[in-house]
Amino acid sequence: MKTFRNFALLSLIAGMLVTSCSKDSTAPSATSLGVKMQATNKSFSLLKSTALATPSFVWDSSFIVVSKIEFEAEKQESEMSASPSEVHFEWNGPAKIDLFRLNSVIGNIALQPGIYHEVSIKINSFNSDAGSLPDFYLSGSYTNAAGSVIPIEFVVNEDFEFRVKLEGSTLDAVNDYTSLINMNLTLLFSGFQSADLDGAMLTNGKIMISNTSNTSLYNKIITNLSSCGESEISKGKGSGSDDSGGSGSNSNQGSNSGNGMNGSNGY
């Protein structure tokens, strides 16, 4: 009789374990938005002219220090929800990103169940996170109208931010997503004429553009910086992310964990 009771007890435990495993196997995995960054248009020309050569840029190196990624959207609990609520999630770094190499994910922003509309992503760079490095750095060469090739550098050593909007995008918090933010270098130099560069002061034969050198050009680029971002979004997780650093927080919807920095670029 005792043997029968033990067998029945074991059968009950086994049934509970099978049920538990079955439930776990059907549970949805965590949903997140991974963010990547890269620079586009490494070479481009200014307006064509009748001069000997068409003034143009060729860029060969660029990086940015990403201190924080902010995600803002209107969120509905379901398609039947009447009024959406505004939400704000954050991922905190810092991470140093080589913009001329398609990086693995900078950080992941965890999404709570729901449907997200009017999505925007803001990239913040804080000078306190850059240490001895610039917040943003871009170097290459400029070919003037006479055909002379002049080295050029653009350096930002102060806090800055820019925002991209995912127009027409709807995130359903069922799939994982990856947002690729493109920094369009053509837009960064929007409105520039060859005369702007030809009249620049040279430092050791180089055009240095910073908040202390060729400041009129610097201010023009800083203004363009806020609108040079473009974004593509796709379903699926980006590759190569890890949990080596960074933290996430959600300012108005509870806690939100961020999955760290790109290991090869983090401090």
C-alpha atoms as a PDB file:
ATOM      1  CA  MET A   1       0.000   0.000   0.000  1.00  0.00           C
ATOM      2  CA  LYS A   2       2.860   2.300   0.885  1.00  0.00           C
ATOM      3  CA  THR A   3       4.538   1.473  -2.407  1.00  0.00           C
ATOM      4  CA  PHE A   4       1.378   2.406  -4.288  1.00  0.00           C
ATOM      5  CA  ARG A   5       1.118   5.756  -2.476  1.00  0.00           C
ATOM      6  CA  ASN A   6       4.775   6.563  -3.288  1.00  0.00           C
ATOM      7  CA  PHE A   7       4.198   5.671  -6.929  1.00  0.00           C
ATOM      8  CA  ALA A   8       1.129   7.905  -7.066  1.00  0.00           C
ATOM      9  CA  LEU A   9       3.066  10.782  -5.489  1.00  0.00           C
ATOM     10  CA  LEU A  10       5.904  10.409  -7.969  1.00  0.00           C
ATOM     11  CA  SER A  11       3.421  10.327 -10.845  1.00  0.00           C
ATOM     12  CA  LEU A  12       1.827  13.555  -9.612  1.00  0.00           C
ATOM     13  CA  ILE A  13       5.225  15.322  -9.364  1.00  0.00           C
ATOM     14  CA  ALA A  14       6.204  14.125 -12.818  1.00  0.00           C
ATOM     15  CA  GLY A  15       2.921  15.432 -14.234  1.00  0.00           C
ATOM     16  CA  MET A  16       3.531  18.817 -12.614  1.00  0.00           C
ATOM     17  CA  LEU A  17       7.052  18.998 -14.086  1.00  0.00           C
ATOM     18  CA  VAL A  18       5.804  18.144 -17.569  1.00  0.00           C
ATOM     19  CA  THR A  19       3.113  20.829 -17.299  1.00  0.00           C
ATOM     20  CA  SER A  20       5.639  23.375 -16.074  1.00  0.00           C
ATOM     21  CA  CYS A  21       8.054  22.637 -18.915  1.00  0.00           C
ATOM     22  CA  SER A  22       5.227  22.889 -21.424  1.00  0.00           C
ATOM     23  CA  LYS A  23       4.222  26.322 -20.130  1.00  0.00           C
ATOM     24  CA  ASP A  24       7.819  27.588 -20.160  1.00  0.00           C
ATOM     25  CA  SER A  25       8.342  26.452 -23.728  1.00  0.00           C
ATOM     26  CA  THR A  26       5.386  28.501 -24.971  1.00  0.00           C
ATOM     27  CA  ALA A  27       6.104  31.623 -22.916  1.00  0.00           C
ATOM     28  CA  PRO A  28       7.064  34.602 -25.124  1.00  0.00           C
ATOM     29  CA  SER A  29      10.682  35.713 -24.982  1.00  0.00           C
ATOM     30  CA  ALA A  30      11.613  39.223 -23.835  1.00  0.00           C
ATOM     31  CA  THR A  31      10.912  41.893 -26.434  1.00  0.00           C
ATOM     32  CA  SER A  32      13.477  44.593 -27.119  1.00  0.00           C
ATOM     33  CA  LEU A  33      14.572  47.314 -29.514  1.00  0.00           C
ATOM     34  CA  GLY A  34      18.279  47.129 -30.294  1.00  0.00           C
ATOM     35  CA  VAL A  35      20.014  50.279 -31.559  1.00  0.00           C
ATOM     36  CA  LYS A  36      22.936  50.415 -34.018  1.00  0.00           C
ATOM     37  CA  MET A  37      24.708  53.414 -35.569  1.00  0.00           C
ATOM     38  CA  GLN A  38      26.817  54.090 -38.641  1.00  0.00           C
ATOM     39  CA  ALA A  39      27.853  57.020 -40.842  1.00  0.00           C
ATOM     40  CA  THR A  40      26.741  57.083 -44.479  1.00  0.00           C
ATOM     41  CA  ASN A  41      28.041  58.955 -47.546  1.00  0.00           C
ATOM     42  CA  LYS A  42      31.775  58.791 -46.787  1.00  0.00           C
ATOM     43  CA  SER A  43      32.459  60.791 -49.952  1.00  0.00           C
ATOM     44  CA  PHE A  44      30.382  63.466 -51.675  1.00  0.00           C
ATOM     45  CA  SER A  45      30.736  66.648 -53.714  1.00  0.00           C
ATOM     46  CA  LEU A  46      29.581  70.184 -53.134  1.00  0.00           C
ATOM     47  CA  LEU A  47      27.653  72.019 -55.825  1.00  0.00           C
ATOM     48  CA  LYS A  48      29.249  71.559 -59.246  1.00  0.00           C
ATOM     49  CA  SER A  49      31.094  74.533 -60.642  1.00  0.00           C
ATOM     50  CA  THR A  50      33.093  75.575 -63.698  1.00  0.00           C
ATOM     51  CA  ALA A  51      36.292  75.406 -61.666  1.00  0.00           C
ATOM     52  CA  LEU A  52      39.186  73.051 -62.385  1.00  0.00           C
ATOM     53  CA  ALA A  53      37.872  70.483 -59.892  1.00  0.00           C
ATOM     54  CA  THR A  54      34.564  69.889 -58.166  1.00  0.00           C
ATOM     55  CA  PRO A  55      35.014  70.602 -54.442  1.00  0.00           C
ATOM     56  CA  SER A  56      34.466  67.370 -52.541  1.00  0.00           C
ATOM     57  CA  PHE A  57      34.946  65.498 -49.256  1.00  0.00           C
ATOM     58  CA  VAL A  58      36.351  62.037 -48.610  1.00  0.00           C
ATOM     59  CA  TRP A  59      36.048  60.857 -45.001  1.00  0.00           C
ATOM     60  CA  ASP A  60      38.135  57.998 -43.603  1.00  0.00           C
ATOM     61  CA  SER A  61      37.595  58.000 -39.823  1.00  0.00           C
ATOM     62  CA  SER A  62      34.759  58.836 -37.449  1.00  0.00           C
ATOM     63  CA  PHE A  63      33.546  57.924 -33.978  1.00  0.00           C
ATOM     64  CA  ILE A  64      30.944  59.055 -31.475  1.00  0.00           C
ATOM     65  CA  VAL A  65      30.607  58.596 -27.725  1.00  0.00           C
ATOM     66  CA  VAL A  66      27.024  57.550 -26.961  1.00  0.00           C
ATOM     67  CA  SER A  67      26.105  58.371 -23.378  1.00  0.00           C
ATOM     68  CA  LYS A  68      22.377  57.714 -23.438  1.00  0.00           C
ATOM     69  CA  ILE A  69      19.663  56.521 -25.805  1.00  0.00           C
ATOM     70  CA  GLU A  70      16.140  57.790 -25.135  1.00  0.00           C
ATOM     71  CA  PHE A  71      13.083  56.060 -26.602  1.00  0.00           C
ATOM     72  CA  GLU A  72       9.784  57.971 -26.706  1.00  0.00           C
ATOM     73  CA  ALA A  73       6.494  56.801 -28.178  1.00  0.00           C
ATOM     74  CA  GLU A  74       2.741  56.662 -27.798  1.00  0.00           C
ATOM     75  CA  LYS A  75       1.739  53.293 -26.380  1.00  0.00           C
ATOM     76  CA  GLN A  76      -1.566  51.448 -26.572  1.00  0.00           C
ATOM     77  CA  GLU A  77      -2.240  48.358 -24.493  1.00  0.00           C
ATOM     78  CA  SER A  78      -3.984  46.782 -27.504  1.00  0.00           C
ATOM     79  CA  GLU A  79      -5.526  47.724 -30.853  1.00  0.00           C
ATOM     80  CA  MET A  80      -8.842  48.208 -29.058  1.00  0.00           C
ATOM     81  CA  SER A  81      -7.431  50.743 -26.573  1.00  0.00           C
ATOM     82  CA  ALA A  82      -9.068  54.129 -26.935  1.00  0.00           C
ATOM     83  CA  SER A  83      -6.357  56.557 -25.832  1.00  0.00           C
ATOM     84  CA  PRO A  84      -2.588  55.963 -25.999  1.00  0.00           C
ATOM     85  CA  SER A  85      -0.199  57.036 -23.262  1.00  0.00           C
ATOM     86  CA  GLU A  86       3.215  58.625 -23.709  1.00  0.00           C
ATOM     87  CA  VAL A  87       6.160  56.476 -22.604  1.00  0.00           C
ATOM     88  CA  HIS A  88       9.854  57.163 -22.149  1.00  0.00           C
ATOM     89  CA  PHE A  89      12.564  54.497 -21.852  1.00  0.00           C
ATOM     90  CA  GLU A  90      16.319  54.977 -21.540  1.00  0.00           C
ATOM     91  CA  TRP A  91      19.537  53.053 -22.098  1.00  0.00           C
ATOM     92  CA  ASN A  92      22.640  54.411 -20.382  1.00  0.00           C
ATOM     93  CA  GLY A  93      26.235  53.874 -21.528  1.00  0.00           C
ATOM     94  CA  PRO A  94      28.703  55.172 -22.365  1.00  0.00           C
ATOM     95  CA  ALA A  95      29.894  53.410 -25.526  1.00  0.00           C
ATOM     96  CA  LYS A  96      32.435  54.597 -28.113  1.00  0.00           C
ATOM     97  CA  ILE A  97      31.166  53.721 -31.589  1.00  0.00           C
ATOM     98  CA  ASP A  98      33.249  53.496 -34.758  1.00  0.00           C
ATOM     99  CA  LEU A  99      30.827  55.013 -37.260  1.00  0.00           C
ATOM    100  CA  PHE A 100      32.635  53.580 -40.289  1.00  0.00           C
ATOM    101  CA  ARG A 101      32.134  50.013 -39.157  1.00  0.00           C
ATOM    102  CA  LEU A 102      28.662  48.478 -38.811  1.00  0.00           C
ATOM    103  CA  ASN A 103      28.716  47.865 -35.093  1.00  0.00           C
ATOM    104  CA  SER A 104      26.951  45.301 -33.059  1.00  0.00           C
ATOM    105  CA  VAL A 105      24.071  46.640 -30.999  1.00  0.00           C
ATOM    106  CA  ILE A 106      24.971  49.631 -28.807  1.00  0.00           C
ATOM    107  CA  GLY A 107      22.163  48.896 -26.349  1.00  0.00           C
ATOM    108  CA  ASN A 108      18.791  47.206 -26.085  1.00  0.00           C
ATOM    109  CA  ILE A 109      15.661  48.897 -24.786  1.00  0.00           C
ATOM    110  CA  ALA A 110      13.173  46.497 -23.212  1.00  0.00           C
ATOM    111  CA  LEU A 111       9.600  47.010 -24.405  1.00  0.00           C
ATOM    112  CA  GLN A 112       6.581  46.264 -22.262  1.00  0.00           C
ATOM    113  CA  PRO A 113       3.610  44.522 -23.921  1.00  0.00           C
ATOM    114  CA  GLY A 114       1.601  46.874 -26.087  1.00  0.00           C
ATOM    115  CA  ILE A 115       1.599  48.678 -29.423  1.00  0.00           C
ATOM    116  CA  TYR A 116       3.933  51.641 -29.996  1.00  0.00           C
ATOM    117  CA  HIS A 117       3.299  54.508 -32.434  1.00  0.00           C
ATOM    118  CA  GLU A 118       5.041  57.841 -33.177  1.00  0.00           C
ATOM    119  CA  VAL A 119       8.386  56.407 -32.129  1.00  0.00           C
ATOM    120  CA  SER A 120      11.407  58.679 -31.760  1.00  0.00           C
ATOM    121  CA  ILE A 121      14.943  57.904 -30.598  1.00  0.00           C
ATOM    122  CA  LYS A 122      17.293  60.523 -29.153  1.00  0.00           C
ATOM    123  CA  ILE A 123      21.054  60.010 -28.979  1.00  0.00           C
ATOM    124  CA  ASN A 124      22.852  61.912 -26.209  1.00  0.00           C
ATOM    125  CA  SER A 125      26.601  62.475 -25.951  1.00  0.00           C
ATOM    126  CA  PHE A 126      27.981  63.919 -22.701  1.00  0.00           C
ATOM    127  CA  ASN A 127      31.468  65.375 -22.610  1.00  0.00           C
ATOM    128  CA  SER A 128      31.962  63.965 -19.098  1.00  0.00           C
ATOM    129  CA  ASP A 129      31.775  60.448 -20.599  1.00  0.00           C
ATOM    130  CA  ALA A 130      34.347  61.094 -23.330  1.00  0.00           C
ATOM    131  CA  GLY A 131      37.357  61.541 -21.060  1.00  0.00           C
ATOM    132  CA  SER A 132      40.332  62.720 -23.139  1.00  0.00           C
ATOM    133  CA  LEU A 133      38.524  61.881 -26.391  1.00  0.00           C
ATOM    134  CA  PRO A 134      36.143  64.099 -28.381  1.00  0.00           C
ATOM    135  CA  ASP A 135      32.418  63.425 -28.086  1.00  0.00           C
ATOM    136  CA  PHE A 136      32.344  63.248 -31.893  1.00  0.00           C
ATOM    137  CA  TYR A 137      35.247  63.043 -34.344  1.00  0.00           C
ATOM    138  CA  LEU A 138      35.399  63.106 -38.145  1.00  0.00           C
ATOM    139  CA  SER A 139      38.534  63.232 -40.313  1.00  0.00           C
ATOM    140  CA  GLY A 140      39.335  62.974 -44.000  1.00  0.00           C
ATOM    141  CA  SER A 141      40.293  65.235 -46.878  1.00  0.00           C
ATOM    142  CA  TYR A 142      38.789  68.150 -48.766  1.00  0.00           C
ATOM    143  CA  THR A 143      39.539  68.779 -52.454  1.00  0.00           C
ATOM    144  CA  ASN A 144      39.137  72.442 -53.293  1.00  0.00           C
ATOM    145  CA  ALA A 145      38.174  74.038 -56.614  1.00  0.00           C
ATOM    146  CA  ALA A 146      41.832  74.250 -57.635  1.00  0.00           C
ATOM    147  CA  GLY A 147      42.255  70.510 -57.195  1.00  0.00           C
ATOM    148  CA  SER A 148      44.372  70.728 -54.022  1.00  0.00           C
ATOM    149  CA  VAL A 149      43.716  68.029 -51.415  1.00  0.00           C
ATOM    150  CA  ILE A 150      43.678  69.380 -47.850  1.00  0.00           C
ATOM    151  CA  PRO A 151      43.331  67.274 -44.666  1.00  0.00           C
ATOM    152  CA  ILE A 152      40.256  68.197 -42.627  1.00  0.00           C
ATOM    153  CA  GLU A 153      39.055  67.359 -39.110  1.00  0.00           C
ATOM    154  CA  PHE A 154      35.814  68.122 -37.279  1.00  0.00           C
ATOM    155  CA  VAL A 155      35.903  67.764 -33.487  1.00  0.00           C
ATOM    156  CA  VAL A 156      33.122  68.183 -30.907  1.00  0.00           C
ATOM    157  CA  ASN A 157      34.205  68.559 -27.270  1.00  0.00           C
ATOM    158  CA  GLU A 158      30.864  69.449 -25.712  1.00  0.00           C
ATOM    159  CA  ASP A 159      27.500  67.858 -24.936  1.00  0.00           C
ATOM    160  CA  PHE A 160      25.215  67.397 -27.923  1.00  0.00           C
ATOM    161  CA  GLU A 161      22.185  65.378 -28.980  1.00  0.00           C
ATOM    162  CA  PHE A 162      20.205  64.495 -32.064  1.00  0.00           C
ATOM    163  CA  ARG A 163      16.882  62.786 -32.628  1.00  0.00           C
ATOM    164  CA  VAL A 164      15.474  60.475 -35.291  1.00  0.00           C
ATOM    165  CA  LYS A 165      11.793  59.707 -35.817  1.00  0.00           C
ATOM    166  CA  LEU A 166      10.553  56.355 -37.048  1.00  0.00           C
ATOM    167  CA  GLU A 167       7.768  57.717 -39.228  1.00  0.00           C
ATOM    168  CA  GLY A 168       5.003  55.212 -39.885  1.00  0.00           C
ATOM    169  CA  SER A 169       6.617  52.539 -37.713  1.00  0.00           C
ATOM    170  CA  THR A 170       4.526  50.440 -35.367  1.00  0.00           C
ATOM    171  CA  LEU A 171       6.217  48.219 -32.788  1.00  0.00           C
ATOM    172  CA  ASP A 172       3.956  45.506 -31.414  1.00  0.00           C
ATOM    173  CA  ALA A 173       6.078  44.314 -28.451  1.00  0.00           C
ATOM    174  CA  VAL A 174       5.697  40.758 -29.735  1.00  0.00           C
ATOM    175  CA  ASN A 175       8.709  40.808 -32.057  1.00  0.00           C
ATOM    176  CA  ASP A 176      12.239  41.981 -31.328  1.00  0.00           C
ATOM    177  CA  TYR A 177      13.385  44.928 -33.459  1.00  0.00           C
ATOM    178  CA  THR A 178      16.655  46.545 -34.491  1.00  0.00           C
ATOM    179  CA  SER A 179      16.907  50.236 -35.359  1.00  0.00           C
ATOM    180  CA  LEU A 180      19.871  51.244 -37.538  1.00  0.00           C
ATOM    181  CA  ILE A 181      20.555  54.959 -37.152  1.00  0.00           C
ATOM    182  CA  ASN A 182      22.446  56.439 -40.090  1.00  0.00           C
ATOM    183  CA  MET A 183      24.368  59.673 -39.615  1.00  0.00           C
ATOM    184  CA  ASN A 184      24.173  61.162 -43.108  1.00  0.00           C
ATOM    185  CA  LEU A 185      27.404  63.104 -43.635  1.00  0.00           C
ATOM    186  CA  THR A 186      25.935  64.876 -46.655  1.00  0.00           C
ATOM    187  CA  LEU A 187      23.275  66.380 -44.388  1.00  0.00           C
ATOM    188  CA  LEU A 188      25.947  67.229 -41.827  1.00  0.00           C
ATOM    189  CA  PHE A 189      27.483  69.599 -44.386  1.00  0.00           C
ATOM    190  CA  SER A 190      24.179  70.788 -45.820  1.00  0.00           C
ATOM    191  CA  GLY A 191      24.302  74.383 -47.041  1.00  0.00           C
ATOM    192  CA  PHE A 192      28.103  74.497 -47.363  1.00  0.00           C
ATOM    193  CA  GLN A 193      29.688  76.233 -50.356  1.00  0.00           C
ATOM    194  CA  SER A 194      33.248  75.841 -51.593  1.00  0.00           C
ATOM    195  CA  ALA A 195      33.929  79.414 -50.442  1.00  0.00           C
ATOM    196  CA  ASP A 196      33.179  78.335 -46.855  1.00  0.00           C
ATOM    197  CA  LEU A 197      36.033  75.815 -46.919  1.00  0.00           C
ATOM    198  CA  ASP A 198      38.404  77.786 -49.160  1.00  0.00           C
ATOM    199  CA  GLY A 199      38.322  80.654 -46.670  1.00  0.00           C
ATOM    200  CA  ALA A 200      38.973  78.423 -43.645  1.00  0.00           C
ATOM    201  CA  MET A 201      42.029  78.988 -41.475  1.00  0.00           C
ATOM    202  CA  LEU A 202      44.643  76.216 -41.749  1.00  0.00           C
ATOM    203  CA  THR A 203      46.461  74.719 -38.755  1.00  0.00           C
ATOM    204  CA  ASN A 204      49.692  73.012 -39.837  1.00  0.00           C
ATOM    205  CA  GLY A 205      48.240  72.651 -43.323  1.00  0.00           C
ATOM    206  CA  LYS A 206      44.964  71.149 -42.045  1.00  0.00           C
ATOM    207  CA  ILE A 207      41.412  72.530 -41.812  1.00  0.00           C
ATOM    208  CA  MET A 208      40.564  72.136 -38.127  1.00  0.00           C
ATOM    209  CA  ILE A 209      36.895  72.725 -37.288  1.00  0.00           C
ATOM    210  CA  SER A 210      36.086  72.912 -33.574  1.00  0.00           C
ATOM    211  CA  ASN A 211      34.617  75.273 -30.989  1.00  0.00           C
ATOM    212  CA  THR A 212      37.971  77.119 -30.955  1.00  0.00           C
ATOM    213  CA  SER A 213      38.979  76.906 -34.633  1.00  0.00           C
ATOM    214  CA  ASN A 214      36.923  78.007 -37.665  1.00  0.00           C
ATOM    215  CA  THR A 215      34.015  78.533 -35.291  1.00  0.00           C
ATOM    216  CA  SER A 216      31.582  79.794 -37.942  1.00  0.00           C
ATOM    217  CA  LEU A 217      31.926  76.468 -39.787  1.00  0.00           C
ATOM    218  CA  TYR A 218      31.682  74.609 -36.473  1.00  0.00           C
ATOM    219  CA  ASN A 219      28.420  76.306 -35.505  1.00  0.00           C
ATOM    220  CA  LYS A 220      26.956  75.566 -38.921  1.00  0.00           C
ATOM    221  CA  ILE A 221      27.766  71.848 -38.609  1.00  0.00           C
ATOM    222  CA  ILE A 222      26.457  71.709 -35.024  1.00  0.00           C
ATOM    223  CA  THR A 223      23.155  73.110 -36.274  1.00  0.00           C
ATOM    224  CA  ASN A 224      23.030  70.433 -38.993  1.00  0.00           C
ATOM    225  CA  LEU A 225      23.945  67.726 -36.488  1.00  0.00           C
ATOM    226  CA  SER A 226      20.489  67.815 -34.930  1.00  0.00           C
ATOM    227  CA  SER A 227      18.862  66.773 -38.215  1.00  0.00           C
ATOM    228  CA  CYS A 228      21.438  64.536 -39.925  1.00  0.00           C
ATOM    229  CA  GLY A 229      20.112  61.291 -38.447  1.00  0.00           C
ATOM    230  CA  GLU A 230      18.040  58.810 -40.459  1.00  0.00           C
ATOM    231  CA  SER A 231      16.693  55.498 -39.203  1.00  0.00           C
ATOM    232  CA  GLU A 232      15.817  52.098 -40.619  1.00  0.00           C
ATOM    233  CA  ILE A 233      13.969  49.558 -38.486  1.00  0.00           C
ATOM    234  CA  SER A 234      13.736  45.816 -38.987  1.00  0.00           C
ATOM    235  CA  LYS A 235      12.410  42.822 -37.115  1.00  0.00           C
ATOM    236  CA  GLY A 236      14.866  40.613 -35.294  1.00  0.00           C
ATOM    237  CA  LYS A 237      17.732  41.095 -32.881  1.00  0.00           C
ATOM    238  CA  GLY A 238      20.987  42.609 -34.011  1.00  0.00           C
ATOM    239  CA  SER A 239      24.060  40.422 -33.620  1.00  0.00           C
ATOM    240  CA  GLY A 240      27.003  40.775 -31.318  1.00  0.00           C
ATOM    241  CA  SER A 241      25.496  42.507 -28.282  1.00  0.00           C
ATOM    242  CA  ASP A 242      26.581  41.551 -24.811  1.00  0.00           C
ATOM    243  CA  ASP A 243      25.894  42.345 -21.184  1.00  0.00           C
ATOM    244  CA  SER A 244      29.228  43.945 -20.373  1.00  0.00           C
ATOM    245  CA  GLY A 245      27.927  47.362 -19.382  1.00  0.00           C
ATOM    246  CA  GLY A 246      25.245  49.999 -19.525  1.00  0.00           C
ATOM    247  CA  SER A 247      21.997  50.173 -17.655  1.00  0.00           C
ATOM    248  CA  GLY A 248      18.469  51.058 -18.631  1.00  0.00           C
ATOM    249  CA  SER A 249      15.802  53.012 -16.839  1.00  0.00           C
ATOM    250  CA  ASN A 250      12.239  54.007 -17.653  1.00  0.00           C
ATOM    251  CA  SER A 251      11.260  57.389 -16.318  1.00  0.00           C
ATOM    252  CA  ASN A 252       7.512  56.850 -16.187  1.00  0.00           C
ATOM    253  CA  GLN A 253       6.713  53.194 -16.659  1.00  0.00           C
ATOM    254  CA  GLY A 254       8.719  51.303 -14.027  1.00  0.00           C
ATOM    255  CA  SER A 255      12.127  49.758 -14.579  1.00  0.00           C
ATOM    256  CA  ASN A 256      13.656  48.970 -17.950  1.00  0.00           C
ATOM    257  CA  SER A 257      16.894  47.021 -18.238  1.00  0.00           C
ATOM    258  CA  GLY A 258      19.419  47.762 -20.974  1.00  0.00           C
ATOM    259  CA  ASN A 259      21.726  45.098 -22.342  1.00  0.00           C
ATOM    260  CA  GLY A 260      25.178  46.628 -22.196  1.00  0.00           C
ATOM    261  CA  MET A 261      27.652  48.056 -24.610  1.00  0.00           C
ATOM    262  CA  ASN A 262      29.438  46.682 -27.598  1.00  0.00           C
ATOM    263  CA  GLY A 263      32.364  45.043 -25.870  1.00  0.00           C
ATOM    264  CA  SER A 264      34.971  46.108 -28.432  1.00  0.00           C
ATOM    265  CA  ASN A 265      33.976  49.774 -28.210  1.00  0.00           C
ATOM    266  CA  GLY A 266      33.070  50.281 -24.570  1.00  0.00           C
ATOM    267  CA  TYR A 267      35.259  52.034 -21.997  1.00  0.00           C
END
